[in-house]
PDB file of N, CA and C in Angstrom:
ATOM      1  N   MET A   1      51.557  52.740 -42.960  1.00  0.00           N
ATOM      2  CA  MET A   1      53.001  52.587 -42.955  1.00  0.00           C
ATOM      3  C   MET A   1      53.466  51.791 -41.740  1.00  0.00           C
ATOM      4  N   LYS A   2      52.756  51.961 -40.636  1.00  0.00           N
ATOM      5  CA  LYS A   2      53.116  51.252 -39.418  1.00  0.00           C
ATOM      6  C   LYS A   2      53.126  49.744 -39.664  1.00  0.00           C
ATOM      7  N   GLU A   3      52.136  49.264 -40.392  1.00  0.00           N
ATOM      8  CA  GLU A   3      52.032  47.828 -40.666  1.00  0.00           C
ATOM      9  C   GLU A   3      53.198  47.347 -41.530  1.00  0.00           C
ATOM     10  N   LEU A   4      53.625  48.172 -42.477  1.00  0.00           N
ATOM     11  CA  LEU A   4      54.756  47.820 -43.342  1.00  0.00           C
ATOM     12  C   LEU A   4      56.030  47.669 -42.519  1.00  0.00           C
ATOM     13  N   VAL A   5      56.303  48.643 -41.656  1.00  0.00           N
ATOM     14  CA  VAL A   5      57.503  48.596 -40.815  1.00  0.00           C
ATOM     15  C   VAL A   5      57.440  47.394 -39.873  1.00  0.00           C
ATOM     16  N   GLU A   6      56.283  47.176 -39.271  1.00  0.00           N
ATOM     17  CA  GLU A   6      56.127  46.058 -38.341  1.00  0.00           C
ATOM     18  C   GLU A   6      56.351  44.725 -39.050  1.00  0.00           C
ATOM     19  N   TYR A   7      55.837  44.589 -40.259  1.00  0.00           N
ATOM     20  CA  TYR A   7      56.021  43.361 -41.036  1.00  0.00           C
ATOM     21  C   TYR A   7      57.503  43.103 -41.329  1.00  0.00           C
ATOM     22  N   ILE A   8      58.197  44.134 -41.768  1.00  0.00           N
ATOM     23  CA  ILE A   8      59.621  43.996 -42.102  1.00  0.00           C
ATOM     24  C   ILE A   8      60.427  43.610 -40.861  1.00  0.00           C
ATOM     25  N   VAL A   9      60.225  44.348 -39.778  1.00  0.00           N
ATOM     26  CA  VAL A   9      61.018  44.125 -38.566  1.00  0.00           C
ATOM     27  C   VAL A   9      60.726  42.756 -37.958  1.00  0.00           C
ATOM     28  N   ARG A  10      59.470  42.363 -37.902  1.00  0.00           N
ATOM     29  CA  ARG A  10      59.120  41.055 -37.315  1.00  0.00           C
ATOM     30  C   ARG A  10      59.762  39.901 -38.086  1.00  0.00           C
ATOM     31  N   ASN A  11      59.967  40.084 -39.377  1.00  0.00           N
ATOM     32  CA  ASN A  11      60.584  39.031 -40.176  1.00  0.00           C
ATOM     33  C   ASN A  11      62.105  39.032 -40.082  1.00  0.00           C
ATOM     34  N   LEU A  12      62.686  40.057 -39.496  1.00  0.00           N
ATOM     35  CA  LEU A  12      64.136  40.128 -39.339  1.00  0.00           C
ATOM     36  C   LEU A  12      64.625  39.553 -38.007  1.00  0.00           C
ATOM     37  N   VAL A  13      63.796  39.607 -36.984  1.00  0.00           N
ATOM     38  CA  VAL A  13      64.249  39.280 -35.634  1.00  0.00           C
ATOM     39  C   VAL A  13      63.948  37.833 -35.244  1.00  0.00           C
ATOM     40  N   ASP A  14      64.615  37.368 -34.171  1.00  0.00           N
ATOM     41  CA  ASP A  14      64.375  36.034 -33.637  1.00  0.00           C
ATOM     42  C   ASP A  14      63.174  36.001 -32.701  1.00  0.00           C
ATOM     43  N   ASN A  15      62.856  37.131 -32.086  1.00  0.00           N
ATOM     44  CA  ASN A  15      61.774  37.209 -31.118  1.00  0.00           C
ATOM     45  C   ASN A  15      60.726  38.218 -31.601  1.00  0.00           C
ATOM     46  N   PRO A  16      59.883  37.833 -32.582  1.00  0.00           N
ATOM     47  CA  PRO A  16      58.932  38.798 -33.153  1.00  0.00           C
ATOM     48  C   PRO A  16      57.868  39.286 -32.164  1.00  0.00           C
ATOM     49  N   GLU A  17      57.621  38.528 -31.093  1.00  0.00           N
ATOM     50  CA  GLU A  17      56.629  38.954 -30.112  1.00  0.00           C
ATOM     51  C   GLU A  17      57.085  40.192 -29.338  1.00  0.00           C
ATOM     52  N   ALA A  18      58.382  40.413 -29.273  1.00  0.00           N
ATOM     53  CA  ALA A  18      58.934  41.542 -28.522  1.00  0.00           C
ATOM     54  C   ALA A  18      58.979  42.832 -29.341  1.00  0.00           C
ATOM     55  N   VAL A  19      58.591  42.763 -30.603  1.00  0.00           N
ATOM     56  CA  VAL A  19      58.631  43.951 -31.465  1.00  0.00           C
ATOM     57  C   VAL A  19      57.445  44.855 -31.144  1.00  0.00           C
ATOM     58  N   SER A  20      57.752  46.133 -30.973  1.00  0.00           N
ATOM     59  CA  SER A  20      56.729  47.135 -30.713  1.00  0.00           C
ATOM     60  C   SER A  20      56.926  48.285 -31.693  1.00  0.00           C
ATOM     61  N   VAL A  21      55.857  48.657 -32.387  1.00  0.00           N
ATOM     62  CA  VAL A  21      55.924  49.753 -33.351  1.00  0.00           C
ATOM     63  C   VAL A  21      54.871  50.778 -32.967  1.00  0.00           C
ATOM     64  N   LYS A  22      55.316  52.029 -32.818  1.00  0.00           N
ATOM     65  CA  LYS A  22      54.424  53.110 -32.410  1.00  0.00           C
ATOM     66  C   LYS A  22      54.474  54.209 -33.464  1.00  0.00           C
ATOM     67  N   GLU A  23      53.303  54.672 -33.866  1.00  0.00           N
ATOM     68  CA  GLU A  23      53.218  55.728 -34.875  1.00  0.00           C
ATOM     69  C   GLU A  23      52.686  57.002 -34.220  1.00  0.00           C
ATOM     70  N   THR A  24      53.425  58.107 -34.416  1.00  0.00           N
ATOM     71  CA  THR A  24      53.038  59.388 -33.843  1.00  0.00           C
ATOM     72  C   THR A  24      52.876  60.404 -34.965  1.00  0.00           C
ATOM     73  N   GLN A  25      51.714  61.011 -35.029  1.00  0.00           N
ATOM     74  CA  GLN A  25      51.444  62.019 -36.050  1.00  0.00           C
ATOM     75  C   GLN A  25      51.926  63.378 -35.580  1.00  0.00           C
ATOM     76  N   GLY A  26      52.731  64.026 -36.390  1.00  0.00           N
ATOM     77  CA  GLY A  26      53.175  65.380 -36.103  1.00  0.00           C
ATOM     78  C   GLY A  26      52.483  66.353 -37.036  1.00  0.00           C
ATOM     79  N   ASP A  27      52.909  67.611 -37.007  1.00  0.00           N
ATOM     80  CA  ASP A  27      52.314  68.606 -37.893  1.00  0.00           C
ATOM     81  C   ASP A  27      52.623  68.323 -39.355  1.00  0.00           C
ATOM     82  N   SER A  28      53.896  68.045 -39.639  1.00  0.00           N
ATOM     83  CA  SER A  28      54.282  67.820 -41.026  1.00  0.00           C
ATOM     84  C   SER A  28      54.931  66.461 -41.255  1.00  0.00           C
ATOM     85  N   VAL A  29      55.268  65.764 -40.163  1.00  0.00           N
ATOM     86  CA  VAL A  29      55.981  64.491 -40.278  1.00  0.00           C
ATOM     87  C   VAL A  29      55.331  63.457 -39.365  1.00  0.00           C
ATOM     88  N   THR A  30      55.268  62.224 -39.847  1.00  0.00           N
ATOM     89  CA  THR A  30      54.836  61.104 -39.017  1.00  0.00           C
ATOM     90  C   THR A  30      56.075  60.359 -38.563  1.00  0.00           C
ATOM     91  N   ILE A  31      56.156  60.058 -37.271  1.00  0.00           N
ATOM     92  CA  ILE A  31      57.305  59.351 -36.723  1.00  0.00           C
ATOM     93  C   ILE A  31      56.883  57.938 -36.354  1.00  0.00           C
ATOM     94  N   ILE A  32      57.650  56.969 -36.824  1.00  0.00           N
ATOM     95  CA  ILE A  32      57.411  55.574 -36.489  1.00  0.00           C
ATOM     96  C   ILE A  32      58.576  55.111 -35.625  1.00  0.00           C
ATOM     97  N   GLU A  33      58.264  54.710 -34.400  1.00  0.00           N
ATOM     98  CA  GLU A  33      59.285  54.238 -33.459  1.00  0.00           C
ATOM     99  C   GLU A  33      59.229  52.718 -33.385  1.00  0.00           C
ATOM    100  N   VAL A  34      60.388  52.080 -33.511  1.00  0.00           N
ATOM    101  CA  VAL A  34      60.487  50.628 -33.477  1.00  0.00           C
ATOM    102  C   VAL A  34      61.305  50.227 -32.256  1.00  0.00           C
ATOM    103  N   ARG A  35      60.767  49.318 -31.463  1.00  0.00           N
ATOM    104  CA  ARG A  35      61.482  48.755 -30.314  1.00  0.00           C
ATOM    105  C   ARG A  35      61.537  47.244 -30.487  1.00  0.00           C
ATOM    106  N   THR A  36      62.685  46.674 -30.144  1.00  0.00           N
ATOM    107  CA  THR A  36      62.850  45.225 -30.220  1.00  0.00           C
ATOM    108  C   THR A  36      63.466  44.729 -28.917  1.00  0.00           C
ATOM    109  N   ALA A  37      63.560  43.421 -28.787  1.00  0.00           N
ATOM    110  CA  ALA A  37      64.299  42.849 -27.671  1.00  0.00           C
ATOM    111  C   ALA A  37      65.755  43.272 -27.832  1.00  0.00           C
ATOM    112  N   PRO A  38      66.479  43.497 -26.734  1.00  0.00           N
ATOM    113  CA  PRO A  38      67.869  43.974 -26.826  1.00  0.00           C
ATOM    114  C   PRO A  38      68.757  43.100 -27.705  1.00  0.00           C
ATOM    115  N   GLU A  39      68.550  41.791 -27.672  1.00  0.00           N
ATOM    116  CA  GLU A  39      69.399  40.901 -28.473  1.00  0.00           C
ATOM    117  C   GLU A  39      69.069  40.954 -29.965  1.00  0.00           C
ATOM    118  N   ASP A  40      67.922  41.524 -30.336  1.00  0.00           N
ATOM    119  CA  ASP A  40      67.531  41.617 -31.742  1.00  0.00           C
ATOM    120  C   ASP A  40      67.833  42.977 -32.357  1.00  0.00           C
ATOM    121  N   ALA A  41      68.262  43.939 -31.560  1.00  0.00           N
ATOM    122  CA  ALA A  41      68.491  45.295 -32.066  1.00  0.00           C
ATOM    123  C   ALA A  41      69.514  45.307 -33.199  1.00  0.00           C
ATOM    124  N   GLY A  42      70.567  44.524 -33.071  1.00  0.00           N
ATOM    125  CA  GLY A  42      71.596  44.482 -34.113  1.00  0.00           C
ATOM    126  C   GLY A  42      71.084  43.945 -35.431  1.00  0.00           C
ATOM    127  N   LYS A  43      70.111  43.057 -35.386  1.00  0.00           N
ATOM    128  CA  LYS A  43      69.545  42.496 -36.612  1.00  0.00           C
ATOM    129  C   LYS A  43      68.717  43.525 -37.361  1.00  0.00           C
ATOM    130  N   VAL A  44      68.120  44.435 -36.636  1.00  0.00           N
ATOM    131  CA  VAL A  44      67.312  45.478 -37.267  1.00  0.00           C
ATOM    132  C   VAL A  44      68.189  46.626 -37.745  1.00  0.00           C
ATOM    133  N   ILE A  45      69.255  46.910 -37.010  1.00  0.00           N
ATOM    134  CA  ILE A  45      70.152  48.004 -37.387  1.00  0.00           C
ATOM    135  C   ILE A  45      71.107  47.569 -38.495  1.00  0.00           C
ATOM    136  N   GLY A  46      71.694  46.389 -38.370  1.00  0.00           N
ATOM    137  CA  GLY A  46      72.618  45.889 -39.388  1.00  0.00           C
ATOM    138  C   GLY A  46      73.996  46.498 -39.260  1.00  0.00           C
ATOM    139  N   ARG A  47      74.914  45.956 -40.037  1.00  0.00           N
ATOM    140  CA  ARG A  47      76.284  46.493 -40.029  1.00  0.00           C
ATOM    141  C   ARG A  47      76.296  47.899 -40.587  1.00  0.00           C
ATOM    142  N   GLU A  48      76.890  48.779 -39.811  1.00  0.00           N
ATOM    143  CA  GLU A  48      76.997  50.197 -40.175  1.00  0.00           C
ATOM    144  C   GLU A  48      75.631  50.816 -40.479  1.00  0.00           C
ATOM    145  N   GLY A  49      74.568  50.244 -39.916  1.00  0.00           N
ATOM    146  CA  GLY A  49      73.232  50.800 -40.086  1.00  0.00           C
ATOM    147  C   GLY A  49      72.606  50.552 -41.433  1.00  0.00           C
ATOM    148  N   ARG A  50      73.120  49.590 -42.180  1.00  0.00           N
ATOM    149  CA  ARG A  50      72.622  49.360 -43.543  1.00  0.00           C
ATOM    150  C   ARG A  50      71.178  48.883 -43.586  1.00  0.00           C
ATOM    151  N   ILE A  51      70.814  47.967 -42.692  1.00  0.00           N
ATOM    152  CA  ILE A  51      69.434  47.468 -42.697  1.00  0.00           C
ATOM    153  C   ILE A  51      68.481  48.567 -42.264  1.00  0.00           C
ATOM    154  N   ALA A  52      68.858  49.326 -41.233  1.00  0.00           N
ATOM    155  CA  ALA A  52      68.022  50.441 -40.778  1.00  0.00           C
ATOM    156  C   ALA A  52      67.823  51.455 -41.901  1.00  0.00           C
ATOM    157  N   ASN A  53      68.872  51.767 -42.615  1.00  0.00           N
ATOM    158  CA  ASN A  53      68.762  52.708 -43.733  1.00  0.00           C
ATOM    159  C   ASN A  53      67.901  52.152 -44.855  1.00  0.00           C
ATOM    160  N   SER A  54      67.975  50.847 -45.071  1.00  0.00           N
ATOM    161  CA  SER A  54      67.139  50.222 -46.100  1.00  0.00           C
ATOM    162  C   SER A  54      65.664  50.302 -45.720  1.00  0.00           C
ATOM    163  N   ILE A  55      65.364  50.059 -44.452  1.00  0.00           N
ATOM    164  CA  ILE A  55      63.975  50.169 -43.986  1.00  0.00           C
ATOM    165  C   ILE A  55      63.486  51.598 -44.187  1.00  0.00           C
ATOM    166  N   ARG A  56      64.319  52.565 -43.832  1.00  0.00           N
ATOM    167  CA  ARG A  56      63.938  53.976 -44.003  1.00  0.00           C
ATOM    168  C   ARG A  56      63.707  54.318 -45.471  1.00  0.00           C
ATOM    169  N   THR A  57      64.531  53.770 -46.364  1.00  0.00           N
ATOM    170  CA  THR A  57      64.385  54.033 -47.795  1.00  0.00           C
ATOM    171  C   THR A  57      63.069  53.464 -48.326  1.00  0.00           C
ATOM    172  N   ILE A  58      62.732  52.251 -47.915  1.00  0.00           N
ATOM    173  CA  ILE A  58      61.476  51.631 -48.344  1.00  0.00           C
ATOM    174  C   ILE A  58      60.283  52.451 -47.862  1.00  0.00           C
ATOM    175  N   VAL A  59      60.331  52.869 -46.613  1.00  0.00           N
ATOM    176  CA  VAL A  59      59.222  53.647 -46.049  1.00  0.00           C
ATOM    177  C   VAL A  59      59.118  55.010 -46.730  1.00  0.00           C
ATOM    178  N   LYS A  60      60.251  55.649 -46.996  1.00  0.00           N
ATOM    179  CA  LYS A  60      60.226  56.948 -47.683  1.00  0.00           C
ATOM    180  C   LYS A  60      59.625  56.828 -49.076  1.00  0.00           C
ATOM    181  N   ALA A  61      59.960  55.753 -49.782  1.00  0.00           N
ATOM    182  CA  ALA A  61      59.421  55.546 -51.128  1.00  0.00           C
ATOM    183  C   ALA A  61      57.909  55.327 -51.072  1.00  0.00           C
ATOM    184  N   ALA A  62      57.455  54.527 -50.126  1.00  0.00           N
ATOM    185  CA  ALA A  62      56.020  54.282 -49.983  1.00  0.00           C
ATOM    186  C   ALA A  62      55.291  55.555 -49.554  1.00  0.00           C
ATOM    187  N   ALA A  63      55.911  56.332 -48.677  1.00  0.00           N
ATOM    188  CA  ALA A  63      55.296  57.577 -48.206  1.00  0.00           C
ATOM    189  C   ALA A  63      55.240  58.624 -49.314  1.00  0.00           C
ATOM    190  N   ALA A  64      56.240  58.644 -50.170  1.00  0.00           N
ATOM    191  CA  ALA A  64      56.266  59.621 -51.266  1.00  0.00           C
ATOM    192  C   ALA A  64      55.092  59.396 -52.212  1.00  0.00           C
ATOM    193  N   LYS A  65      54.715  58.147 -52.406  1.00  0.00           N
ATOM    194  CA  LYS A  65      53.561  57.850 -53.259  1.00  0.00           C
ATOM    195  C   LYS A  65      52.286  58.440 -52.678  1.00  0.00           C
ATOM    196  N   GLN A  66      52.218  58.520 -51.347  1.00  0.00           N
ATOM    197  CA  GLN A  66      51.045  59.080 -50.671  1.00  0.00           C
ATOM    198  C   GLN A  66      51.244  60.553 -50.323  1.00  0.00           C
ATOM    199  N   GLN A  67      52.337  61.122 -50.771  1.00  0.00           N
ATOM    200  CA  GLN A  67      52.697  62.514 -50.518  1.00  0.00           C
ATOM    201  C   GLN A  67      52.734  62.822 -49.023  1.00  0.00           C
ATOM    202  N   LYS A  68      53.433  61.961 -48.269  1.00  0.00           N
ATOM    203  CA  LYS A  68      53.609  62.130 -46.835  1.00  0.00           C
ATOM    204  C   LYS A  68      55.088  62.103 -46.508  1.00  0.00           C
ATOM    205  N   LYS A  69      55.444  62.605 -45.332  1.00  0.00           N
ATOM    206  CA  LYS A  69      56.812  62.522 -44.828  1.00  0.00           C
ATOM    207  C   LYS A  69      56.788  61.645 -43.580  1.00  0.00           C
ATOM    208  N   ILE A  70      57.605  60.608 -43.603  1.00  0.00           N
ATOM    209  CA  ILE A  70      57.647  59.669 -42.495  1.00  0.00           C
ATOM    210  C   ILE A  70      59.088  59.437 -42.091  1.00  0.00           C
ATOM    211  N   THR A  71      59.339  59.437 -40.782  1.00  0.00           N
ATOM    212  CA  THR A  71      60.649  59.162 -40.231  1.00  0.00           C
ATOM    213  C   THR A  71      60.563  57.877 -39.419  1.00  0.00           C
ATOM    214  N   VAL A  72      61.550  56.992 -39.591  1.00  0.00           N
ATOM    215  CA  VAL A  72      61.599  55.750 -38.834  1.00  0.00           C
ATOM    216  C   VAL A  72      62.750  55.849 -37.833  1.00  0.00           C
ATOM    217  N   GLU A  73      62.429  55.645 -36.559  1.00  0.00           N
ATOM    218  CA  GLU A  73      63.441  55.651 -35.504  1.00  0.00           C
ATOM    219  C   GLU A  73      63.495  54.269 -34.886  1.00  0.00           C
ATOM    220  N   ILE A  74      64.697  53.725 -34.752  1.00  0.00           N
ATOM    221  CA  ILE A  74      64.889  52.427 -34.132  1.00  0.00           C
ATOM    222  C   ILE A  74      65.472  52.679 -32.752  1.00  0.00           C
ATOM    223  N   LEU A  75      64.683  52.403 -31.738  1.00  0.00           N
ATOM    224  CA  LEU A  75      65.092  52.665 -30.362  1.00  0.00           C
ATOM    225  C   LEU A  75      65.696  51.404 -29.764  1.00  0.00           C
ATOM    226  N   THR A  76      66.864  51.563 -29.180  1.00  0.00           N
ATOM    227  CA  THR A  76      67.516  50.432 -28.524  1.00  0.00           C
ATOM    228  C   THR A  76      67.473  50.664 -27.028  1.00  0.00           C
ATOM    229  N   GLU A  77      67.385  49.596 -26.284  1.00  0.00           N
ATOM    230  CA  GLU A  77      67.235  49.701 -24.838  1.00  0.00           C
ATOM    231  C   GLU A  77      68.428  50.380 -24.182  1.00  0.00           C
ATOM    232  N   ASP A  78      69.653  50.040 -24.609  1.00  0.00           N
ATOM    233  CA  ASP A  78      70.852  50.616 -24.004  1.00  0.00           C
ATOM    234  C   ASP A  78      70.895  52.130 -24.170  1.00  0.00           C
ATOM    235  N   ARG A  79      70.716  52.595 -25.385  1.00  0.00           N
ATOM    236  CA  ARG A  79      70.799  54.032 -25.644  1.00  0.00           C
ATOM    237  C   ARG A  79      69.608  54.760 -25.041  1.00  0.00           C
ATOM    238  N   GLU A  80      68.459  54.109 -25.056  1.00  0.00           N
ATOM    239  CA  GLU A  80      67.272  54.740 -24.513  1.00  0.00           C
ATOM    240  C   GLU A  80      67.431  54.996 -23.018  1.00  0.00           C
ATOM    241  N   ASN A  81      67.949  54.032 -22.289  1.00  0.00           N
ATOM    242  CA  ASN A  81      68.106  54.197 -20.850  1.00  0.00           C
ATOM    243  C   ASN A  81      69.189  55.210 -20.515  1.00  0.00           C
ATOM    244  N   LYS A  82      70.242  55.273 -21.303  1.00  0.00           N
ATOM    245  CA  LYS A  82      71.352  56.181 -21.002  1.00  0.00           C
ATOM    246  C   LYS A  82      71.116  57.590 -21.526  1.00  0.00           C
ATOM    247  N   GLN A  83      70.651  57.684 -22.776  1.00  0.00           N
ATOM    248  CA  GLN A  83      70.564  58.994 -23.401  1.00  0.00           C
ATOM    249  C   GLN A  83      69.169  59.366 -23.861  1.00  0.00           C
ATOM    250  N   GLY A  84      68.264  58.388 -23.967  1.00  0.00           N
ATOM    251  CA  GLY A  84      66.933  58.679 -24.463  1.00  0.00           C
ATOM    252  C   GLY A  84      66.914  58.917 -25.952  1.00  0.00           C
ATOM    253  N   GLY A  85      67.899  58.390 -26.672  1.00  0.00           N
ATOM    254  CA  GLY A  85      68.010  58.651 -28.101  1.00  0.00           C
ATOM    255  C   GLY A  85      67.598  57.471 -28.947  1.00  0.00           C
ATOM    256  N   ALA A  86      67.726  57.679 -30.233  1.00  0.00           N
ATOM    257  CA  ALA A  86      67.390  56.648 -31.213  1.00  0.00           C
ATOM    258  C   ALA A  86      68.550  56.513 -32.179  1.00  0.00           C
ATOM    259  N   PHE A  87      68.633  55.364 -32.799  1.00  0.00           N
ATOM    260  CA  PHE A  87      69.681  55.154 -33.790  1.00  0.00           C
ATOM    261  C   PHE A  87      69.217  55.718 -35.092  1.00  0.00           C
TER     262      PHE A  87
END
């Protein structure tokens, strides 16, 4: 799944070299964290989060076929430094 998310995000941004995707296995859920250059964060999130939600929907559909639960978090530099959160 990590490769799928990385492929999608790299094709959305202007600076694909700055994209970082990290996969963390949990007990029942796998978390995929996506980091981009600050100027590309809006391209991955989209207006009102539509692109981010679309990425999550694609990953959920692919994960359901494998009977897994996967969460995609898009980390932005501004929020990460201030609150440590994800969009």
